[in-house]
Amino acid sequence: MEILPNKETIAYRKASRRVRELKEFYGNLTSYCLVIPFLAILNLLTAPGYLWFLWPALGWGIGIAFHAVGVFGIGKGWEERKIKELMEKEEKGKIKTL
């Protein structure tokens, strides 16, 4: 016998997943903010003529940008949210035309 999840369980799982995504993003951003300045200082102390720390800063920064888009922008739930939004707009439009 299979037990079907109720709405509260589904909502909890979605919220839990969202919190995990946010936690991972903020962890990534915090690491970036700690490591890149360390690399910059190391670079300036050892080889100030060539700013090699910019390469990891750029690469990691691009990764963080994509991560941010996934978490805050067009992510897994974006399509579902957009569908609901359009359906609500269409429903309101039908009600107004009656």
PDB file of N, CA and C in Angstrom:
ATOM      1  N   MET A   1       0.843  -1.179   0.000  1.00  0.00           N
ATOM      2  CA  MET A   1       0.000   0.000   0.000  1.00  0.00           C
ATOM      3  C   MET A   1       0.888   1.243   0.000  1.00  0.00           C
ATOM      4  N   GLU A   2       0.671   2.106  -0.958  1.00  0.00           N
ATOM      5  CA  GLU A   2       1.483   3.318  -1.107  1.00  0.00           C
ATOM      6  C   GLU A   2       0.801   4.490  -0.410  1.00  0.00           C
ATOM      7  N   ILE A   3       1.585   5.223   0.360  1.00  0.00           N
ATOM      8  CA  ILE A   3       1.056   6.396   1.052  1.00  0.00           C
ATOM      9  C   ILE A   3       1.349   7.622   0.196  1.00  0.00           C
ATOM     10  N   LEU A   4       0.303   8.352  -0.149  1.00  0.00           N
ATOM     11  CA  LEU A   4       0.466   9.548  -0.966  1.00  0.00           C
ATOM     12  C   LEU A   4       0.770  10.742  -0.067  1.00  0.00           C
ATOM     13  N   PRO A   5       1.712  11.590  -0.485  1.00  0.00           N
ATOM     14  CA  PRO A   5       2.033  12.766   0.335  1.00  0.00           C
ATOM     15  C   PRO A   5       0.895  13.788   0.288  1.00  0.00           C
ATOM     16  N   ASN A   6       0.658  14.443   1.411  1.00  0.00           N
ATOM     17  CA  ASN A   6      -0.371  15.482   1.432  1.00  0.00           C
ATOM     18  C   ASN A   6       0.244  16.821   1.047  1.00  0.00           C
ATOM     19  N   LYS A   7      -0.593  17.849   0.971  1.00  0.00           N
ATOM     20  CA  LYS A   7      -0.121  19.162   0.524  1.00  0.00           C
ATOM     21  C   LYS A   7       0.925  19.743   1.461  1.00  0.00           C
ATOM     22  N   GLU A   8       0.772  19.517   2.774  1.00  0.00           N
ATOM     23  CA  GLU A   8       1.742  20.043   3.735  1.00  0.00           C
ATOM     24  C   GLU A   8       3.112  19.404   3.540  1.00  0.00           C
ATOM     25  N   THR A   9       3.122  18.100   3.299  1.00  0.00           N
ATOM     26  CA  THR A   9       4.389  17.402   3.071  1.00  0.00           C
ATOM     27  C   THR A   9       5.058  17.910   1.805  1.00  0.00           C
ATOM     28  N   ILE A  10       4.283  18.095   0.763  1.00  0.00           N
ATOM     29  CA  ILE A  10       4.827  18.598  -0.499  1.00  0.00           C
ATOM     30  C   ILE A  10       5.356  20.009  -0.314  1.00  0.00           C
ATOM     31  N   ALA A  11       4.592  20.863   0.376  1.00  0.00           N
ATOM     32  CA  ALA A  11       5.034  22.240   0.617  1.00  0.00           C
ATOM     33  C   ALA A  11       6.305  22.256   1.452  1.00  0.00           C
ATOM     34  N   TYR A  12       6.381  21.384   2.456  1.00  0.00           N
ATOM     35  CA  TYR A  12       7.581  21.310   3.298  1.00  0.00           C
ATOM     36  C   TYR A  12       8.791  20.888   2.473  1.00  0.00           C
ATOM     37  N   ARG A  13       8.611  19.910   1.615  1.00  0.00           N
ATOM     38  CA  ARG A  13       9.725  19.441   0.775  1.00  0.00           C
ATOM     39  C   ARG A  13      10.206  20.541  -0.168  1.00  0.00           C
ATOM     40  N   LYS A  14       9.258  21.279  -0.751  1.00  0.00           N
ATOM     41  CA  LYS A  14       9.632  22.381  -1.646  1.00  0.00           C
ATOM     42  C   LYS A  14      10.378  23.466  -0.882  1.00  0.00           C
ATOM     43  N   ALA A  15       9.866  23.815   0.303  1.00  0.00           N
ATOM     44  CA  ALA A  15      10.525  24.840   1.120  1.00  0.00           C
ATOM     45  C   ALA A  15      11.902  24.369   1.558  1.00  0.00           C
ATOM     46  N   SER A  16      12.006  23.105   1.931  1.00  0.00           N
ATOM     47  CA  SER A  16      13.288  22.543   2.356  1.00  0.00           C
ATOM     48  C   SER A  16      14.301  22.571   1.211  1.00  0.00           C
ATOM     49  N   ARG A  17      13.850  22.229   0.014  1.00  0.00           N
ATOM     50  CA  ARG A  17      14.731  22.258  -1.160  1.00  0.00           C
ATOM     51  C   ARG A  17      15.180  23.685  -1.444  1.00  0.00           C
ATOM     52  N   ARG A  18      14.259  24.629  -1.322  1.00  0.00           N
ATOM     53  CA  ARG A  18      14.582  26.041  -1.575  1.00  0.00           C
ATOM     54  C   ARG A  18      15.607  26.558  -0.567  1.00  0.00           C
ATOM     55  N   VAL A  19      15.425  26.202   0.703  1.00  0.00           N
ATOM     56  CA  VAL A  19      16.379  26.613   1.736  1.00  0.00           C
ATOM     57  C   VAL A  19      17.751  26.012   1.456  1.00  0.00           C
ATOM     58  N   ARG A  20      17.788  24.751   1.042  1.00  0.00           N
ATOM     59  CA  ARG A  20      19.059  24.094   0.716  1.00  0.00           C
ATOM     60  C   ARG A  20      19.748  24.806  -0.456  1.00  0.00           C
ATOM     61  N   GLU A  21      18.973  25.181  -1.485  1.00  0.00           N
ATOM     62  CA  GLU A  21      19.545  25.902  -2.627  1.00  0.00           C
ATOM     63  C   GLU A  21      20.129  27.247  -2.191  1.00  0.00           C
ATOM     64  N   LEU A  22      19.383  27.973  -1.360  1.00  0.00           N
ATOM     65  CA  LEU A  22      19.867  29.269  -0.866  1.00  0.00           C
ATOM     66  C   LEU A  22      21.126  29.099  -0.023  1.00  0.00           C
ATOM     67  N   LYS A  23      21.131  28.093   0.830  1.00  0.00           N
ATOM     68  CA  LYS A  23      22.286  27.834   1.690  1.00  0.00           C
ATOM     69  C   LYS A  23      23.522  27.519   0.848  1.00  0.00           C
ATOM     70  N   GLU A  24      23.357  26.706  -0.181  1.00  0.00           N
ATOM     71  CA  GLU A  24      24.479  26.374  -1.063  1.00  0.00           C
ATOM     72  C   GLU A  24      24.992  27.612  -1.787  1.00  0.00           C
ATOM     73  N   PHE A  25      24.068  28.454  -2.267  1.00  0.00           N
ATOM     74  CA  PHE A  25      24.492  29.666  -2.967  1.00  0.00           C
ATOM     75  C   PHE A  25      25.257  30.597  -2.041  1.00  0.00           C
ATOM     76  N   TYR A  26      24.702  30.854  -0.857  1.00  0.00           N
ATOM     77  CA  TYR A  26      25.373  31.764   0.077  1.00  0.00           C
ATOM     78  C   TYR A  26      26.700  31.193   0.559  1.00  0.00           C
ATOM     79  N   GLY A  27      26.799  29.889   0.679  1.00  0.00           N
ATOM     80  CA  GLY A  27      28.078  29.263   1.018  1.00  0.00           C
ATOM     81  C   GLY A  27      29.102  29.482  -0.080  1.00  0.00           C
ATOM     82  N   ASN A  28      28.674  29.325  -1.322  1.00  0.00           N
ATOM     83  CA  ASN A  28      29.547  29.551  -2.475  1.00  0.00           C
ATOM     84  C   ASN A  28      30.008  31.008  -2.522  1.00  0.00           C
ATOM     85  N   LEU A  29      29.083  31.927  -2.318  1.00  0.00           N
ATOM     86  CA  LEU A  29      29.401  33.354  -2.346  1.00  0.00           C
ATOM     87  C   LEU A  29      30.348  33.734  -1.205  1.00  0.00           C
ATOM     88  N   THR A  30      30.109  33.191  -0.025  1.00  0.00           N
ATOM     89  CA  THR A  30      30.986  33.459   1.118  1.00  0.00           C
ATOM     90  C   THR A  30      32.394  32.946   0.851  1.00  0.00           C
ATOM     91  N   SER A  31      32.496  31.742   0.307  1.00  0.00           N
ATOM     92  CA  SER A  31      33.815  31.186  -0.023  1.00  0.00           C
ATOM     93  C   SER A  31      34.543  32.081  -1.015  1.00  0.00           C
ATOM     94  N   TYR A  32      33.820  32.547  -2.021  1.00  0.00           N
ATOM     95  CA  TYR A  32      34.404  33.437  -3.022  1.00  0.00           C
ATOM     96  C   TYR A  32      34.945  34.704  -2.368  1.00  0.00           C
ATOM     97  N   CYS A  33      34.125  35.285  -1.486  1.00  0.00           N
ATOM     98  CA  CYS A  33      34.515  36.542  -0.828  1.00  0.00           C
ATOM     99  C   CYS A  33      35.691  36.365   0.130  1.00  0.00           C
ATOM    100  N   LEU A  34      35.931  35.168   0.591  1.00  0.00           N
ATOM    101  CA  LEU A  34      37.072  34.911   1.468  1.00  0.00           C
ATOM    102  C   LEU A  34      38.322  34.488   0.698  1.00  0.00           C
ATOM    103  N   VAL A  35      38.147  33.658  -0.306  1.00  0.00           N
ATOM    104  CA  VAL A  35      39.293  33.086  -1.021  1.00  0.00           C
ATOM    105  C   VAL A  35      39.909  34.073  -2.002  1.00  0.00           C
ATOM    106  N   ILE A  36      39.105  34.785  -2.764  1.00  0.00           N
ATOM    107  CA  ILE A  36      39.647  35.677  -3.793  1.00  0.00           C
ATOM    108  C   ILE A  36      40.520  36.782  -3.191  1.00  0.00           C
ATOM    109  N   PRO A  37      40.122  37.450  -2.115  1.00  0.00           N
ATOM    110  CA  PRO A  37      41.041  38.433  -1.515  1.00  0.00           C
ATOM    111  C   PRO A  37      42.347  37.792  -1.027  1.00  0.00           C
ATOM    112  N   PHE A  38      42.257  36.578  -0.491  1.00  0.00           N
ATOM    113  CA  PHE A  38      43.468  35.862  -0.077  1.00  0.00           C
ATOM    114  C   PHE A  38      44.380  35.623  -1.279  1.00  0.00           C
ATOM    115  N   LEU A  39      43.798  35.178  -2.388  1.00  0.00           N
ATOM    116  CA  LEU A  39      44.594  34.956  -3.597  1.00  0.00           C
ATOM    117  C   LEU A  39      45.183  36.262  -4.112  1.00  0.00           C
ATOM    118  N   ALA A  40      44.425  37.342  -4.025  1.00  0.00           N
ATOM    119  CA  ALA A  40      44.924  38.646  -4.481  1.00  0.00           C
ATOM    120  C   ALA A  40      46.123  39.081  -3.648  1.00  0.00           C
ATOM    121  N   ILE A  41      46.019  38.932  -2.335  1.00  0.00           N
ATOM    122  CA  ILE A  41      47.146  39.296  -1.463  1.00  0.00           C
ATOM    123  C   ILE A  41      48.348  38.412  -1.754  1.00  0.00           C
ATOM    124  N   LEU A  42      48.108  37.118  -1.893  1.00  0.00           N
ATOM    125  CA  LEU A  42      49.192  36.186  -2.210  1.00  0.00           C
ATOM    126  C   LEU A  42      49.857  36.566  -3.529  1.00  0.00           C
ATOM    127  N   ASN A  43      49.047  36.885  -4.519  1.00  0.00           N
ATOM    128  CA  ASN A  43      49.553  37.287  -5.829  1.00  0.00           C
ATOM    129  C   ASN A  43      50.394  38.558  -5.728  1.00  0.00           C
ATOM    130  N   LEU A  44      49.891  39.554  -5.033  1.00  0.00           N
ATOM    131  CA  LEU A  44      50.602  40.831  -4.932  1.00  0.00           C
ATOM    132  C   LEU A  44      51.896  40.711  -4.127  1.00  0.00           C
ATOM    133  N   LEU A  45      51.956  39.774  -3.203  1.00  0.00           N
ATOM    134  CA  LEU A  45      53.177  39.571  -2.424  1.00  0.00           C
ATOM    135  C   LEU A  45      54.224  38.758  -3.175  1.00  0.00           C
ATOM    136  N   THR A  46      53.789  37.852  -4.036  1.00  0.00           N
ATOM    137  CA  THR A  46      54.736  36.953  -4.704  1.00  0.00           C
ATOM    138  C   THR A  46      55.073  37.366  -6.132  1.00  0.00           C
ATOM    139  N   ALA A  47      54.111  37.837  -6.886  1.00  0.00           N
ATOM    140  CA  ALA A  47      54.354  38.182  -8.288  1.00  0.00           C
ATOM    141  C   ALA A  47      53.486  39.368  -8.685  1.00  0.00           C
ATOM    142  N   PRO A  48      53.802  40.563  -8.196  1.00  0.00           N
ATOM    143  CA  PRO A  48      52.939  41.719  -8.472  1.00  0.00           C
ATOM    144  C   PRO A  48      52.915  42.142  -9.940  1.00  0.00           C
ATOM    145  N   GLY A  49      53.846  41.660 -10.737  1.00  0.00           N
ATOM    146  CA  GLY A  49      53.890  42.042 -12.147  1.00  0.00           C
ATOM    147  C   GLY A  49      52.806  41.385 -12.984  1.00  0.00           C
ATOM    148  N   TYR A  50      52.291  40.260 -12.533  1.00  0.00           N
ATOM    149  CA  TYR A  50      51.256  39.542 -13.282  1.00  0.00           C
ATOM    150  C   TYR A  50      50.104  39.237 -12.334  1.00  0.00           C
ATOM    151  N   LEU A  51      48.955  39.760 -12.624  1.00  0.00           N
ATOM    152  CA  LEU A  51      47.795  39.600 -11.748  1.00  0.00           C
ATOM    153  C   LEU A  51      47.029  38.318 -12.094  1.00  0.00           C
ATOM    154  N   TRP A  52      47.632  37.193 -11.747  1.00  0.00           N
ATOM    155  CA  TRP A  52      47.019  35.895 -12.063  1.00  0.00           C
ATOM    156  C   TRP A  52      45.756  35.616 -11.264  1.00  0.00           C
ATOM    157  N   PHE A  53      45.592  36.262 -10.117  1.00  0.00           N
ATOM    158  CA  PHE A  53      44.405  35.993  -9.292  1.00  0.00           C
ATOM    159  C   PHE A  53      43.110  36.387 -10.006  1.00  0.00           C
ATOM    160  N   LEU A  54      43.240  37.246 -11.035  1.00  0.00           N
ATOM    161  CA  LEU A  54      42.047  37.652 -11.775  1.00  0.00           C
ATOM    162  C   LEU A  54      41.410  36.481 -12.526  1.00  0.00           C
ATOM    163  N   TRP A  55      42.223  35.508 -12.944  1.00  0.00           N
ATOM    164  CA  TRP A  55      41.682  34.358 -13.674  1.00  0.00           C
ATOM    165  C   TRP A  55      40.752  33.516 -12.806  1.00  0.00           C
ATOM    166  N   PRO A  56      41.198  33.095 -11.603  1.00  0.00           N
ATOM    167  CA  PRO A  56      40.229  32.366 -10.769  1.00  0.00           C
ATOM    168  C   PRO A  56      39.055  33.245 -10.331  1.00  0.00           C
ATOM    169  N   ALA A  57      39.311  34.543 -10.129  1.00  0.00           N
ATOM    170  CA  ALA A  57      38.218  35.445  -9.748  1.00  0.00           C
ATOM    171  C   ALA A  57      37.175  35.509 -10.864  1.00  0.00           C
ATOM    172  N   LEU A  58      37.638  35.589 -12.096  1.00  0.00           N
ATOM    173  CA  LEU A  58      36.723  35.647 -13.237  1.00  0.00           C
ATOM    174  C   LEU A  58      35.961  34.333 -13.405  1.00  0.00           C
ATOM    175  N   GLY A  59      36.692  33.226 -13.398  1.00  0.00           N
ATOM    176  CA  GLY A  59      36.040  31.925 -13.581  1.00  0.00           C
ATOM    177  C   GLY A  59      35.029  31.616 -12.495  1.00  0.00           C
ATOM    178  N   TRP A  60      35.453  31.788 -11.266  1.00  0.00           N
ATOM    179  CA  TRP A  60      34.560  31.526 -10.140  1.00  0.00           C
ATOM    180  C   TRP A  60      33.401  32.522 -10.139  1.00  0.00           C
ATOM    181  N   GLY A  61      33.679  33.772 -10.499  1.00  0.00           N
ATOM    182  CA  GLY A  61      32.628  34.790 -10.566  1.00  0.00           C
ATOM    183  C   GLY A  61      31.559  34.441 -11.587  1.00  0.00           C
ATOM    184  N   ILE A  62      31.978  33.928 -12.727  1.00  0.00           N
ATOM    185  CA  ILE A  62      31.010  33.488 -13.739  1.00  0.00           C
ATOM    186  C   ILE A  62      30.177  32.340 -13.187  1.00  0.00           C
ATOM    187  N   GLY A  63      30.838  31.414 -12.491  1.00  0.00           N
ATOM    188  CA  GLY A  63      30.113  30.305 -11.869  1.00  0.00           C
ATOM    189  C   GLY A  63      29.086  30.788 -10.864  1.00  0.00           C
ATOM    190  N   ILE A  64      29.465  31.769 -10.059  1.00  0.00           N
ATOM    191  CA  ILE A  64      28.533  32.326  -9.074  1.00  0.00           C
ATOM    192  C   ILE A  64      27.369  33.025  -9.773  1.00  0.00           C
ATOM    193  N   ALA A  65      27.647  33.705 -10.872  1.00  0.00           N
ATOM    194  CA  ALA A  65      26.573  34.376 -11.617  1.00  0.00           C
ATOM    195  C   ALA A  65      25.551  33.357 -12.126  1.00  0.00           C
ATOM    196  N   PHE A  66      26.036  32.249 -12.684  1.00  0.00           N
ATOM    197  CA  PHE A  66      25.118  31.207 -13.155  1.00  0.00           C
ATOM    198  C   PHE A  66      24.365  30.574 -11.987  1.00  0.00           C
ATOM    199  N   HIS A  67      25.064  30.380 -10.884  1.00  0.00           N
ATOM    200  CA  HIS A  67      24.428  29.829  -9.689  1.00  0.00           C
ATOM    201  C   HIS A  67      23.314  30.766  -9.218  1.00  0.00           C
ATOM    202  N   ALA A  68      23.578  32.072  -9.218  1.00  0.00           N
ATOM    203  CA  ALA A  68      22.580  33.062  -8.799  1.00  0.00           C
ATOM    204  C   ALA A  68      21.363  33.036  -9.718  1.00  0.00           C
ATOM    205  N   VAL A  69      21.593  32.923 -11.009  1.00  0.00           N
ATOM    206  CA  VAL A  69      20.472  32.854 -11.955  1.00  0.00           C
ATOM    207  C   VAL A  69      19.638  31.609 -11.675  1.00  0.00           C
ATOM    208  N   GLY A  70      20.314  30.505 -11.378  1.00  0.00           N
ATOM    209  CA  GLY A  70      19.592  29.274 -11.074  1.00  0.00           C
ATOM    210  C   GLY A  70      18.777  29.365  -9.797  1.00  0.00           C
ATOM    211  N   VAL A  71      19.304  30.054  -8.802  1.00  0.00           N
ATOM    212  CA  VAL A  71      18.627  30.143  -7.506  1.00  0.00           C
ATOM    213  C   VAL A  71      17.575  31.248  -7.488  1.00  0.00           C
ATOM    214  N   PHE A  72      17.906  32.415  -8.026  1.00  0.00           N
ATOM    215  CA  PHE A  72      17.020  33.568  -7.918  1.00  0.00           C
ATOM    216  C   PHE A  72      16.264  33.886  -9.199  1.00  0.00           C
ATOM    217  N   GLY A  73      16.724  33.379 -10.306  1.00  0.00           N
ATOM    218  CA  GLY A  73      16.108  33.728 -11.581  1.00  0.00           C
ATOM    219  C   GLY A  73      15.401  32.545 -12.192  1.00  0.00           C
ATOM    220  N   ILE A  74      15.797  32.228 -13.380  1.00  0.00           N
ATOM    221  CA  ILE A  74      15.171  31.140 -14.112  1.00  0.00           C
ATOM    222  C   ILE A  74      15.756  29.835 -13.591  1.00  0.00           C
ATOM    223  N   GLY A  75      15.059  29.251 -12.646  1.00  0.00           N
ATOM    224  CA  GLY A  75      15.498  28.003 -12.043  1.00  0.00           C
ATOM    225  C   GLY A  75      14.491  26.906 -12.303  1.00  0.00           C
ATOM    226  N   LYS A  76      14.534  25.901 -11.455  1.00  0.00           N
ATOM    227  CA  LYS A  76      13.655  24.750 -11.608  1.00  0.00           C
ATOM    228  C   LYS A  76      12.184  25.133 -11.508  1.00  0.00           C
ATOM    229  N   GLY A  77      11.862  26.003 -10.566  1.00  0.00           N
ATOM    230  CA  GLY A  77      10.469  26.350 -10.345  1.00  0.00           C
ATOM    231  C   GLY A  77       9.960  27.482 -11.215  1.00  0.00           C
ATOM    232  N   TRP A  78      10.832  28.086 -12.005  1.00  0.00           N
ATOM    233  CA  TRP A  78      10.433  29.240 -12.799  1.00  0.00           C
ATOM    234  C   TRP A  78       9.313  28.890 -13.768  1.00  0.00           C
ATOM    235  N   GLU A  79       9.462  27.787 -14.475  1.00  0.00           N
ATOM    236  CA  GLU A  79       8.469  27.408 -15.475  1.00  0.00           C
ATOM    237  C   GLU A  79       7.110  27.166 -14.813  1.00  0.00           C
ATOM    238  N   GLU A  80       7.127  26.482 -13.684  1.00  0.00           N
ATOM    239  CA  GLU A  80       5.882  26.212 -12.971  1.00  0.00           C
ATOM    240  C   GLU A  80       5.229  27.507 -12.483  1.00  0.00           C
ATOM    241  N   ARG A  81       6.034  28.423 -11.929  1.00  0.00           N
ATOM    242  CA  ARG A  81       5.500  29.710 -11.459  1.00  0.00           C
ATOM    243  C   ARG A  81       4.923  30.512 -12.615  1.00  0.00           C
ATOM    244  N   LYS A  82       5.609  30.500 -13.754  1.00  0.00           N
ATOM    245  CA  LYS A  82       5.159  31.265 -14.913  1.00  0.00           C
ATOM    246  C   LYS A  82       3.850  30.701 -15.462  1.00  0.00           C
ATOM    247  N   ILE A  83       3.733  29.385 -15.491  1.00  0.00           N
ATOM    248  CA  ILE A  83       2.498  28.755 -15.959  1.00  0.00           C
ATOM    249  C   ILE A  83       1.333  29.157 -15.067  1.00  0.00           C
ATOM    250  N   LYS A  84       1.541  29.092 -13.742  1.00  0.00           N
ATOM    251  CA  LYS A  84       0.484  29.490 -12.809  1.00  0.00           C
ATOM    252  C   LYS A  84       0.108  30.952 -13.000  1.00  0.00           C
ATOM    253  N   GLU A  85       1.117  31.796 -13.166  1.00  0.00           N
ATOM    254  CA  GLU A  85       0.871  33.225 -13.359  1.00  0.00           C
ATOM    255  C   GLU A  85       0.036  33.476 -14.609  1.00  0.00           C
ATOM    256  N   LEU A  86       0.401  32.834 -15.716  1.00  0.00           N
ATOM    257  CA  LEU A  86      -0.333  33.029 -16.965  1.00  0.00           C
ATOM    258  C   LEU A  86      -1.747  32.471 -16.877  1.00  0.00           C
ATOM    259  N   MET A  87      -1.897  31.338 -16.191  1.00  0.00           N
ATOM    260  CA  MET A  87      -3.232  30.763 -16.018  1.00  0.00           C
ATOM    261  C   MET A  87      -4.115  31.687 -15.185  1.00  0.00           C
ATOM    262  N   GLU A  88      -3.544  32.294 -14.140  1.00  0.00           N
ATOM    263  CA  GLU A  88      -4.309  33.225 -13.313  1.00  0.00           C
ATOM    264  C   GLU A  88      -4.710  34.459 -14.111  1.00  0.00           C
ATOM    265  N   LYS A  89      -3.795  34.970 -14.927  1.00  0.00           N
ATOM    266  CA  LYS A  89      -4.121  36.129 -15.760  1.00  0.00           C
ATOM    267  C   LYS A  89      -5.234  35.788 -16.740  1.00  0.00           C
ATOM    268  N   GLU A  90      -5.145  34.606 -17.346  1.00  0.00           N
ATOM    269  CA  GLU A  90      -6.164  34.198 -18.301  1.00  0.00           C
ATOM    270  C   GLU A  90      -7.513  34.025 -17.603  1.00  0.00           C
ATOM    271  N   GLU A  91      -7.486  33.433 -16.413  1.00  0.00           N
ATOM    272  CA  GLU A  91      -8.717  33.244 -15.652  1.00  0.00           C
ATOM    273  C   GLU A  91      -9.343  34.589 -15.289  1.00  0.00           C
ATOM    274  N   LYS A  92      -8.547  35.541 -14.876  1.00  0.00           N
ATOM    275  CA  LYS A  92      -9.057  36.873 -14.554  1.00  0.00           C
ATOM    276  C   LYS A  92      -9.627  37.539 -15.802  1.00  0.00           C
ATOM    277  N   GLY A  93      -8.978  37.322 -16.927  1.00  0.00           N
ATOM    278  CA  GLY A  93      -9.468  37.880 -18.180  1.00  0.00           C
ATOM    279  C   GLY A  93     -10.818  37.303 -18.559  1.00  0.00           C
ATOM    280  N   LYS A  94     -11.024  35.996 -18.322  1.00  0.00           N
ATOM    281  CA  LYS A  94     -12.310  35.361 -18.625  1.00  0.00           C
ATOM    282  C   LYS A  94     -13.402  35.881 -17.710  1.00  0.00           C
ATOM    283  N   ILE A  95     -13.065  36.070 -16.464  1.00  0.00           N
ATOM    284  CA  ILE A  95     -14.060  36.559 -15.509  1.00  0.00           C
ATOM    285  C   ILE A  95     -14.490  37.976 -15.876  1.00  0.00           C
ATOM    286  N   LYS A  96     -13.567  38.810 -16.296  1.00  0.00           N
ATOM    287  CA  LYS A  96     -13.881  40.193 -16.653  1.00  0.00           C
ATOM    288  C   LYS A  96     -14.753  40.271 -17.898  1.00  0.00           C
ATOM    289  N   THR A  97     -14.628  39.327 -18.807  1.00  0.00           N
ATOM    290  CA  THR A  97     -15.379  39.391 -20.057  1.00  0.00           C
ATOM    291  C   THR A  97     -16.796  38.872 -19.916  1.00  0.00           C
ATOM    292  N   LEU A  98     -17.132  38.225 -18.793  1.00  0.00           N
ATOM    293  CA  LEU A  98     -18.489  37.700 -18.621  1.00  0.00           C
ATOM    294  C   LEU A  98     -19.471  38.760 -18.459  1.00  0.00           C
TER     295      LEU A  98
END
